[in-house]
Structure formats: structure tokens, C-alpha cells
Amino acid sequence: MARLIRCLLHWPLLALPLIPALVHAADLGESSTSDNEKTRQVADQSQRRTAFERHAEANPLAITVYRRNYLLPMTYNFNPDEGNFRYISGEPVDNREVQFQLSFKIKLLDDVWNDNGDLFFGYTQRSWWQAYNSDASAPFRETNYEPEVFASFDNSLSLLGWTNTINRLGAVHQSNGRSDPLSRSWNRLYAESIFQNGNWWLSVRPWWRIPESDSDDDNPDIENYLGYGDIMLGYARNNQELTWSIKGNPGKGHYGNQIDYSFPLHDKLRGFVQYYNGYGESLIDYDHYTRRLGVGLSFNAFSAGLPSAPDHAPLPVAAANGSDAPDPSETVRIRRTLESNIENNPLAISAYRRNYILPVTYNTRPNTRFFDQIGDGSNVDNAEIKFQLSLKVKVWDDLFGSNGDIYFAYTQRSWWQAYNDDASAPFRETNYEPEIFASFDNSLTLLGWTNTLNRIGFAHESNGRSDPLSRSWNRIYADTTFQRGNWWLTVTPHWRIPEGDRQDNNPDLENYIGYTDMMLGYARHGQEITWTAKGNTGKGNYGNQIDYSFPLHNKLRGFIQLYEGYGESLIDYDHYSRRIGLGFSFNAFQAGMPGYIED
């Protein structure tokens, strides 16, 4: 085992003789900087990266970024794949798409090898949304889900001016969550090594595909197009960065190239331009030649996750308060301090609602009406994986004096038929919920309850399907939170924005989910329980959810969820579900509420 670890730490240096041109280019660009100075600079930046990650892990409101998180509201594909889109919709594919990526990681274990080698769970998701294709009901054309587990080892060995700063060894699954004939997936083992020379960095990641049987393999020739590894070369200066990524199979003459450029706008919000040319942009397009240009925003610099140091200093996380009955003004102060720390940490994004995964859920009343159109004619499985991702990014500070911040938020819930091999394990349903809101702190008290937080916002929610499975709605809401000791109460009335009969896929939605949501919660000693209710009292339709979480290790929490009633998902808004789920959450829900003080 020791020999394996030593090899992991040292073998990447063998690749350095293969990159003399890069060394020469870096030396020409920075001839005034000595190798010793560069080495010291790299060491200092590596220490700062480690400090940023530790502060993100210690902050109960923070999500640690992994790869780049971005949103491209406008992309144009000069050569879209018409063939596969016919299985999604009978309408033509649109050249224009919205593209976005979410990527984060959670530390599972510290220092698995002496004082080095942390174990992480990472998750990256990339989506291509036909948002402007109203004739096809604006479906998601493709989403790639990429969970992985990896060990990360810091390093400091240098050769020819390049320092090997990070090595990772991991296992990754990637799939698009579709049933046949659109199903695509593969599993890999990989070794990634990152080198730095001044403002330049280089990532080399060879991989080995885990073999599958012919009956399970939906893309047996994927290595003919994506090859056996990828390389990224990057340059960062003055808070701007430019990266070039390449993968492919030289023997087959197939390549995929991606160029990303980002620059600062406001706080952590960055302008972002992306160009892709070649094969393998997505799993469904692994054998299709794509040319795409996109313009939008990124929410973290990619180099922030690498040794290239951002121009920020880590801020201390506020000390926890062990009071059994937290004072509302104190919890508001702590929440604002923690949020401020996130804004100053380039490796952190703020959690919005709860982030969780339930590897095992069982629905005693699954919806069988539509699954034959999702699962290639197979039966729906009672067992599913359910998970939720939720984050927010501050867009503007102090709209009214010292109060009133503007946020963009995104929440996604997915129900995955992972154990349904007969149907190619598709995602049965995913609900996408972007929103924008203004958040106001408050301190008014009545009858022992303090109104600590108010939000006013607009939310869109849809399931990204084409007809007849398309479901969506838009609403304006007012969210009010009250606190009393360890208890909190949130009331969220909402008004649905009317749609025309042709656009409305669910005109009776409010007959089942009503006009208001309510959450009641209690937290003590790191444990929390919440009850969420919605429904239409006049119609006698309700939906109830109970969540219980408890601490396990660091920010990893045990999590149990019960749901009974209507409206668990958009496709099930008029279907009565009864589900129990067991798994993990990665932040306490009340960490995003004023009532949270970690014991």
C-alpha cells in the first residue's frame, strides 16, 4: 500500500519531459521570475487553497466548489444533432440552447494516508436546455450526471520549473439518465495530476474504462471519440483566466476542444465565454461533431480550485454558540457573518435549501400513468434514488441602505430509477427551479416570535420534458420566517402567473398544491426535524413532508425523509404518493435560516 501511495505522489513527474514546449512558453512569458521564486509562489498558493477549502468545510452555509459552476443563457450550435432529438420531440431541434454546469465536492475522510490524502465525493452535472424551442415545449435535450469518489493528495515536487501540486485517484460514473434508444453511460477509473509554473497550470488525466457486457453497453465505441484521457492547459492573471481542454483518439482522428474565458464582473460573479469544437461535448453527442459558442456567467474561477491563487484572504468563520435557546439577533448576526465569509471565499458557494441524496427510497404508490413513455415500455420500480441540489449566488448588495440583497438561486430535485435495469435506469423526473429574490433581515417581535427574514421573489419551475409529459409554472412569492428559541416557522404565499391555454400543461395545479407553503422546524444539539405542508383546503388535497437529520462526520449528516400526499413532483402533482427515504444531507436546512446555531 505504501508503495502504491508513493507511486501516486511521484509518477506524474515522468510526464514532464513530454511538455518541454509548455515549459519554454512559460519561461518566455515570465523570464523575469526565477525558478526559486516561482516555486515559493506555488507553495504559498497551495497553502492558501488548502486554507480556503478548510474554511468552506467549516462553514455550515457553504458548498465547496469542484469544477466550474456556470450558466450560459445563450449558446448557438452551428451543427446540432437532428437525429437523436426526434426521440425527444417531433419538432425540429433549435440551434439555440441554455447550457449550465453545477459542480461541488464533499469531504468524507481526512488524511487517509498519514497527514495527506483526503477522500471526497464529487458531483458534476451539465445540462443543455432547448429553452427557446416553444414548439417542442422547451425540453432539456440532454443532461449528463457525473458522481465520483476520489482521493486527493497534495504534493510539492518540482522539475524544469513545473511543480506537481495535486494528484487525484478516483472512480467516476457518467450517464444521461435516459432509457433506450437515448441511454448513454460509462464508468471509469482515473488518475489526475496538476502541475503549475507561475500563472500557468496543466492538468493531465488518463483514464481506464471499466468493461461492460454487450447487453449493458449503450456506447461501445465511445473511446474511439473520447479517447483515454484529457488535458487542460490554463493561464490566470489579474483575476482573468483562459483554459483550453482537449480529449480524443489520435488514432481515429477524433478530437474535442473547449476554450473557456472568464473575467470579473461583481464580487464572485464573472463574465464567461465558451467555445466547443469537435466530438464528445455531451454523452448523447459523443460521436457527433459539434461547433458551439456560448456567452454567460460563471460563479467561480476554475483556477480557484487549483493552486493558482485568487486575490482574496480567508476570513475567520464565526464562533459557534452553544445556547439551547438562541437569541434571534445573534443568529442573524452569525448568518450574515457566515454569508460574508462565503462571498470572500473563491472555493465556496452558498447553500440555499437542503442538499441531500437518498440512495434508497421506496414509494408504495408509484405513478404508473406516464412511465411507459419514459421507461421504454417497462414497468415503474417502487425503489428510486432521490436527490436535491440547491445553491444561491448574491447578485447585488444592500439594495436599500444596509439591507435588501439580491440573489439568484437554483434548486433541482431528481427521482432516478437507478435499480430499474429493464428500463435502462432512467431519471423518471427532474424538477428545475431557478429563481431570483430580494432578501431582507428584520427584528420585529410579537408574542415571543421574531420576524428575522423576509424574501420577495420570482420562481420558474419545470420538468424539462416535451408533451405530453411537460409540466411547468411561474409564480411570484413572499417568504417570511419567524423564530422563537429553537423553533422556526416559514410561511410562503405565492401567486401563479397566468398562462395561455396553449402553454399551460397543468391548469389545475393549484387544486392540489394550493396557494401557500408552510414549514415548521425545531433544531437542537445538531439535530433537526422539519414538517412542510402544502395543499388546497377547499379541494381536500394536501402534501406533507417530514425531514429529520443528525450529524455524522464533519458536514455529512444522516437524513430520513417521509412524504405523503399530492405534489411531491411536477409530474406527480395530481398523484397521491407515499414515500420513505434514507440517506445523507450535506447541510442542515436551518443553516440557511436565521434559527441555526451549531452546537
Foldseek 3Di string as FASTA:
>chain_A
DVVVVVCLQPVVVVCVVVPVVVLVVLCVVPVVDDLVNQLVLLVVLLVQLVVLVVQQLQQQFWFFFDFWWWKFQWKFWPFDDQVVCCLFFVDGQHRIWIKTKGKTKDWDAACPDPRWKTKIKIKMKIWTWQQVPVVQPTFTSWMKIKIKIKIKGAHRDDDSSKGWGIKIWIKMKIWGQAFPPQTAIWIKTKIWIKIDHRQKIKIWIFIDTDDDDPVLHNCPCLCQAFNGIKMKIKGDDPQKIKMKIKGTDVVNPFMKIKIKIWHDDPQQKIKIKMWIFTADPDRSRNVPTITMITTGIIRADRCSNPSNHDPAGQDHQDDFDQDQFDDLVVLLVNLVRSVVRQSRRRRIFGFAFWWWKFQWKFWPFDDQPCVCSGQVNDGQHRIWIKTKGKTKDWDAACPPPRWKTKIKMKMKMWTWQQVCVSSSTHTPWMKIKIKMKIKGAFADDDPQKGWGIKIWIKMKIWGSGGPPQTAIWIKTWIWIKIDHTQKIKIKIFIDTDDDDPVSHNCPCLCQAFNGMKMKIKGDHQQKIKMKIKGTDVVNPFIKIKIKIWHDDPSQKIKIKMWIFTADPDRSRNVPTITMITTTIIRHDRCSNPSSDGHD
